[in-house]
N, C-alpha and C. Protein backbone atom coordinates (compact mmCIF):
# COMPACT_ATOMS: atom_id res chain seq x y z
N MET A 1 104.55 121.19 50.81
CA MET A 1 103.92 122.38 51.37
C MET A 1 102.40 122.23 51.38
N LYS A 2 101.86 121.65 50.31
CA LYS A 2 100.42 121.46 50.24
C LYS A 2 99.95 120.50 51.32
N HIS A 3 100.79 119.49 51.63
CA HIS A 3 100.42 118.52 52.66
C HIS A 3 100.32 119.19 54.03
N HIS A 4 101.25 120.09 54.32
CA HIS A 4 101.21 120.80 55.60
C HIS A 4 99.97 121.67 55.71
N PHE A 5 99.65 122.36 54.62
CA PHE A 5 98.47 123.20 54.61
C PHE A 5 97.21 122.36 54.79
N LEU A 6 97.13 121.23 54.09
CA LEU A 6 95.98 120.35 54.19
C LEU A 6 95.84 119.78 55.60
N LEU A 7 96.93 119.34 56.19
CA LEU A 7 96.90 118.81 57.55
C LEU A 7 96.50 119.89 58.56
N THR A 8 96.99 121.10 58.35
CA THR A 8 96.62 122.20 59.24
C THR A 8 95.14 122.50 59.14
N CYS A 9 94.60 122.51 57.94
CA CYS A 9 93.16 122.76 57.75
C CYS A 9 92.33 121.67 58.41
N ILE A 10 92.73 120.42 58.24
CA ILE A 10 92.00 119.31 58.85
C ILE A 10 92.05 119.41 60.38
N PHE A 11 93.22 119.72 60.91
CA PHE A 11 93.38 119.87 62.34
C PHE A 11 92.49 120.99 62.88
N LEU A 12 92.45 122.14 62.20
CA LEU A 12 91.61 123.25 62.63
C LEU A 12 90.13 122.91 62.53
N LEU A 13 89.76 122.17 61.47
CA LEU A 13 88.37 121.78 61.30
C LEU A 13 87.91 120.89 62.45
N PHE A 14 88.70 119.89 62.80
CA PHE A 14 88.35 119.02 63.92
C PHE A 14 88.34 119.78 65.25
N GLY A 15 89.26 120.72 65.38
CA GLY A 15 89.30 121.53 66.59
C GLY A 15 88.05 122.37 66.74
N MET A 16 87.58 122.96 65.66
CA MET A 16 86.37 123.78 65.71
C MET A 16 85.14 122.92 65.96
N LEU A 17 85.08 121.74 65.37
CA LEU A 17 83.94 120.86 65.57
C LEU A 17 83.86 120.37 67.02
N SER A 18 85.01 120.10 67.60
CA SER A 18 85.00 119.61 68.99
C SER A 18 84.62 120.73 69.96
N CYS A 19 84.85 121.98 69.60
CA CYS A 19 84.46 123.09 70.47
C CYS A 19 82.96 123.24 70.58
N GLU A 20 82.22 122.83 69.56
CA GLU A 20 80.77 122.93 69.61
C GLU A 20 80.18 122.02 70.68
N ASN A 21 80.82 120.89 70.93
CA ASN A 21 80.32 119.94 71.91
C ASN A 21 80.84 120.21 73.31
N PHE A 22 81.79 121.10 73.41
CA PHE A 22 82.39 121.42 74.70
C PHE A 22 81.52 122.44 75.41
N LYS A 23 81.05 122.10 76.58
CA LYS A 23 80.21 123.01 77.36
C LYS A 23 81.05 123.61 78.47
N GLU A 24 81.37 124.87 78.31
CA GLU A 24 82.21 125.54 79.28
C GLU A 24 81.35 126.10 80.41
N THR A 25 81.71 125.76 81.62
CA THR A 25 80.97 126.31 82.75
C THR A 25 81.65 127.60 83.17
N PRO A 26 80.87 128.60 83.49
CA PRO A 26 81.48 129.87 83.89
C PRO A 26 82.21 129.75 85.21
N ALA A 27 83.26 130.52 85.34
CA ALA A 27 84.03 130.53 86.58
C ALA A 27 83.20 131.14 87.69
N PRO A 28 83.42 130.74 88.93
CA PRO A 28 82.64 131.30 90.01
C PRO A 28 82.70 132.82 90.13
N GLY A 29 83.69 133.45 89.52
CA GLY A 29 83.73 134.90 89.49
C GLY A 29 83.81 135.50 90.87
N ASP A 30 83.01 136.54 91.09
CA ASP A 30 83.10 137.27 92.34
C ASP A 30 82.03 136.87 93.34
N PHE A 31 81.56 135.64 93.24
CA PHE A 31 80.63 135.14 94.25
C PHE A 31 81.43 134.84 95.52
N PRO A 32 80.88 135.17 96.67
CA PRO A 32 81.61 134.90 97.92
C PRO A 32 81.76 133.40 98.19
N ALA A 33 82.75 133.07 98.99
CA ALA A 33 83.06 131.66 99.27
C ALA A 33 81.94 130.96 100.03
N TRP A 34 81.17 131.68 100.82
CA TRP A 34 80.12 131.05 101.63
C TRP A 34 78.97 130.52 100.77
N ILE A 35 78.86 130.96 99.51
CA ILE A 35 77.78 130.48 98.63
C ILE A 35 77.83 128.96 98.48
N LYS A 36 79.02 128.42 98.25
CA LYS A 36 79.17 126.97 98.07
C LYS A 36 78.64 126.22 99.29
N TYR A 37 78.97 126.70 100.47
CA TYR A 37 78.53 126.07 101.71
C TYR A 37 77.00 126.11 101.82
N ARG A 38 76.40 127.26 101.56
CA ARG A 38 74.94 127.41 101.65
C ARG A 38 74.22 126.54 100.63
N VAL A 39 74.74 126.49 99.40
CA VAL A 39 74.13 125.65 98.37
C VAL A 39 74.16 124.19 98.80
N ASN A 40 75.30 123.74 99.28
CA ASN A 40 75.42 122.35 99.73
C ASN A 40 74.50 122.06 100.91
N GLU A 41 74.43 122.99 101.84
CA GLU A 41 73.58 122.84 103.02
C GLU A 41 72.09 122.75 102.63
N LEU A 42 71.64 123.66 101.78
CA LEU A 42 70.23 123.67 101.40
C LEU A 42 69.86 122.51 100.48
N SER A 43 70.77 122.13 99.58
CA SER A 43 70.46 121.00 98.69
C SER A 43 70.44 119.69 99.46
N ALA A 44 71.26 119.56 100.52
CA ALA A 44 71.23 118.34 101.35
C ALA A 44 69.90 118.22 102.08
N LYS A 45 69.34 119.35 102.52
CA LYS A 45 68.06 119.33 103.23
C LYS A 45 66.91 118.94 102.31
N THR A 46 66.96 119.38 101.06
CA THR A 46 65.85 119.15 100.14
C THR A 46 66.07 117.94 99.23
N GLY A 47 67.31 117.48 99.13
CA GLY A 47 67.61 116.38 98.22
C GLY A 47 67.61 116.82 96.75
N GLU A 48 67.67 118.11 96.54
CA GLU A 48 67.62 118.68 95.19
C GLU A 48 68.98 118.57 94.51
N SER A 49 68.98 118.23 93.22
CA SER A 49 70.21 118.17 92.44
C SER A 49 70.68 119.58 92.13
N CYS A 50 71.98 119.76 92.04
CA CYS A 50 72.51 121.10 91.76
C CYS A 50 72.09 121.61 90.38
N GLU A 51 71.65 120.73 89.50
CA GLU A 51 71.21 121.15 88.18
C GLU A 51 69.91 121.95 88.25
N PHE A 52 69.17 121.83 89.33
CA PHE A 52 67.90 122.54 89.47
C PHE A 52 67.97 123.66 90.50
N ILE A 53 69.19 124.01 90.90
CA ILE A 53 69.39 125.10 91.85
C ILE A 53 70.17 126.20 91.14
N TYR A 54 69.66 127.42 91.25
CA TYR A 54 70.34 128.56 90.66
C TYR A 54 70.68 129.57 91.73
N VAL A 55 71.81 130.23 91.54
CA VAL A 55 72.22 131.30 92.43
C VAL A 55 72.10 132.60 91.66
N LEU A 56 71.30 133.51 92.19
CA LEU A 56 71.09 134.81 91.56
C LEU A 56 71.76 135.88 92.41
N LYS A 57 72.45 136.77 91.75
CA LYS A 57 73.10 137.88 92.44
C LYS A 57 72.34 139.16 92.06
N TYR A 58 71.84 139.84 93.06
CA TYR A 58 71.09 141.08 92.87
C TYR A 58 71.93 142.27 93.35
N GLU A 59 71.69 143.41 92.74
CA GLU A 59 72.23 144.66 93.26
C GLU A 59 71.06 145.57 93.61
N VAL A 60 71.07 146.05 94.84
CA VAL A 60 70.03 146.96 95.32
C VAL A 60 70.72 148.12 96.02
N ARG A 61 70.61 149.30 95.47
CA ARG A 61 71.22 150.51 96.05
C ARG A 61 72.68 150.31 96.42
N GLY A 62 73.45 149.70 95.51
CA GLY A 62 74.88 149.53 95.71
C GLY A 62 75.28 148.35 96.59
N ARG A 63 74.32 147.61 97.10
CA ARG A 63 74.62 146.43 97.92
C ARG A 63 74.24 145.18 97.14
N TYR A 64 74.91 144.07 97.43
CA TYR A 64 74.65 142.82 96.73
C TYR A 64 73.91 141.84 97.63
N TYR A 65 73.00 141.12 97.01
CA TYR A 65 72.23 140.08 97.69
C TYR A 65 72.25 138.84 96.81
N TYR A 66 72.20 137.69 97.46
CA TYR A 66 72.28 136.42 96.76
C TYR A 66 71.08 135.56 97.11
N ASN A 67 70.42 135.03 96.10
CA ASN A 67 69.28 134.15 96.33
C ASN A 67 69.63 132.77 95.79
N ILE A 68 69.42 131.76 96.60
CA ILE A 68 69.61 130.37 96.17
C ILE A 68 68.22 129.86 95.84
N ASP A 69 67.98 129.69 94.56
CA ASP A 69 66.64 129.42 94.05
C ASP A 69 66.53 127.96 93.60
N PHE A 70 65.52 127.27 94.11
CA PHE A 70 65.27 125.88 93.75
C PHE A 70 64.26 125.84 92.62
N GLY A 71 64.53 125.05 91.60
CA GLY A 71 63.69 125.00 90.42
C GLY A 71 62.25 124.61 90.67
N TYR A 72 62.01 123.77 91.65
CA TYR A 72 60.66 123.28 91.89
C TYR A 72 60.00 123.94 93.10
N SER A 73 60.57 125.03 93.57
CA SER A 73 60.02 125.69 94.74
C SER A 73 59.01 126.76 94.32
N SER A 74 57.93 126.86 95.05
CA SER A 74 56.95 127.90 94.76
C SER A 74 57.25 129.18 95.54
N CYS A 75 58.25 129.15 96.39
CA CYS A 75 58.61 130.30 97.20
C CYS A 75 59.66 131.14 96.47
N ASN A 76 59.34 132.40 96.25
CA ASN A 76 60.23 133.29 95.52
C ASN A 76 61.14 134.04 96.50
N ASN A 77 62.43 133.94 96.30
CA ASN A 77 63.44 134.62 97.12
C ASN A 77 63.39 134.21 98.59
N CYS A 78 63.14 132.94 98.85
CA CYS A 78 63.08 132.45 100.23
C CYS A 78 64.45 132.23 100.84
N ASN A 79 65.45 132.05 100.01
CA ASN A 79 66.81 131.81 100.48
C ASN A 79 67.68 132.99 100.09
N LEU A 80 67.33 134.15 100.59
CA LEU A 80 67.99 135.40 100.24
C LEU A 80 68.99 135.76 101.33
N PHE A 81 70.22 136.07 100.90
CA PHE A 81 71.31 136.37 101.83
C PHE A 81 71.97 137.68 101.43
N ASP A 82 72.53 138.37 102.41
CA ASP A 82 73.28 139.57 102.11
C ASP A 82 74.72 139.20 101.75
N GLU A 83 75.56 140.21 101.60
CA GLU A 83 76.96 140.00 101.18
C GLU A 83 77.77 139.17 102.16
N ASN A 84 77.34 139.15 103.42
CA ASN A 84 78.07 138.41 104.46
C ASN A 84 77.54 137.00 104.69
N GLY A 85 76.49 136.64 103.98
CA GLY A 85 75.91 135.31 104.14
C GLY A 85 74.83 135.25 105.20
N THR A 86 74.37 136.40 105.65
CA THR A 86 73.30 136.46 106.64
C THR A 86 71.96 136.47 105.92
N ARG A 87 71.05 135.61 106.35
CA ARG A 87 69.73 135.55 105.73
C ARG A 87 68.99 136.86 105.96
N VAL A 88 68.36 137.36 104.90
CA VAL A 88 67.58 138.60 104.97
C VAL A 88 66.18 138.34 104.46
N GLY A 89 65.29 139.25 104.75
CA GLY A 89 63.91 139.13 104.31
C GLY A 89 63.73 139.52 102.85
N GLN A 90 62.65 139.08 102.28
CA GLN A 90 62.35 139.35 100.87
C GLN A 90 62.09 140.82 100.61
N SER A 91 61.84 141.57 101.65
CA SER A 91 61.49 142.98 101.48
C SER A 91 62.62 143.82 100.90
N VAL A 92 63.88 143.34 100.99
CA VAL A 92 64.99 144.11 100.42
C VAL A 92 64.89 144.21 98.90
N LEU A 93 64.14 143.29 98.29
CA LEU A 93 63.95 143.31 96.84
C LEU A 93 62.59 143.89 96.44
N ALA A 94 61.92 144.52 97.38
CA ALA A 94 60.55 144.98 97.14
C ALA A 94 60.45 146.07 96.08
N ASN A 95 61.40 146.98 96.03
CA ASN A 95 61.36 148.07 95.07
C ASN A 95 62.01 147.60 93.76
N GLN A 96 61.18 147.18 92.82
CA GLN A 96 61.68 146.61 91.56
C GLN A 96 62.53 147.59 90.76
N SER A 97 62.26 148.88 90.86
CA SER A 97 63.03 149.85 90.08
C SER A 97 64.47 149.98 90.59
N GLU A 98 64.73 149.60 91.83
CA GLU A 98 66.08 149.67 92.39
C GLU A 98 66.79 148.32 92.39
N THR A 99 66.11 147.30 91.92
CA THR A 99 66.66 145.95 91.97
C THR A 99 67.02 145.48 90.57
N LYS A 100 68.25 144.98 90.41
CA LYS A 100 68.61 144.39 89.13
C LYS A 100 69.43 143.12 89.36
N ILE A 101 69.19 142.15 88.48
CA ILE A 101 69.93 140.89 88.55
C ILE A 101 71.28 141.11 87.87
N ILE A 102 72.35 140.87 88.61
CA ILE A 102 73.70 141.04 88.10
C ILE A 102 74.21 139.76 87.45
N ASP A 103 73.89 138.63 88.05
CA ASP A 103 74.40 137.34 87.57
C ASP A 103 73.43 136.24 87.98
N GLN A 104 73.40 135.18 87.20
CA GLN A 104 72.58 134.02 87.51
C GLN A 104 73.33 132.80 87.01
N ARG A 105 73.57 131.85 87.91
CA ARG A 105 74.34 130.65 87.55
C ARG A 105 73.75 129.40 88.19
N PRO A 106 73.88 128.26 87.51
CA PRO A 106 73.47 127.01 88.15
C PRO A 106 74.43 126.67 89.28
N ALA A 107 73.93 126.03 90.31
CA ALA A 107 74.76 125.71 91.47
C ALA A 107 75.85 124.71 91.14
N CYS A 108 75.71 123.97 90.06
CA CYS A 108 76.74 123.00 89.67
C CYS A 108 78.06 123.69 89.31
N VAL A 109 78.02 124.98 89.04
CA VAL A 109 79.23 125.73 88.70
C VAL A 109 80.16 125.80 89.91
N PHE A 110 79.58 125.87 91.09
CA PHE A 110 80.38 125.99 92.29
C PHE A 110 80.89 124.61 92.70
N PRO A 111 82.21 124.40 92.74
CA PRO A 111 82.74 123.07 93.06
C PRO A 111 82.33 122.62 94.44
N LYS A 112 82.15 121.30 94.57
CA LYS A 112 81.74 120.73 95.87
C LYS A 112 82.91 120.57 96.79
């Protein structure tokens, strides 16, 4: 009986240690399907790695907007899209009190 308990403890210890090194990527969640296409399209144009591209989801007055943000870009919200994937102007995020970031994920989360 002691051997079973000891083996179980060792097994759990190794299991917990291996979880620390495991990096779980978040599921794409409720991001629309067109996000993957836009990320691939924009990263191909710039040659940017997906590790330096982030997708931000904003909520403004009950509507959602998505920004594909490049880590080395000096342009803020230049790749801003509405819920349908249509490019919109930066002015939709102008009122900071009505704008909140709902989610932010690296583009590598979205499968190629």
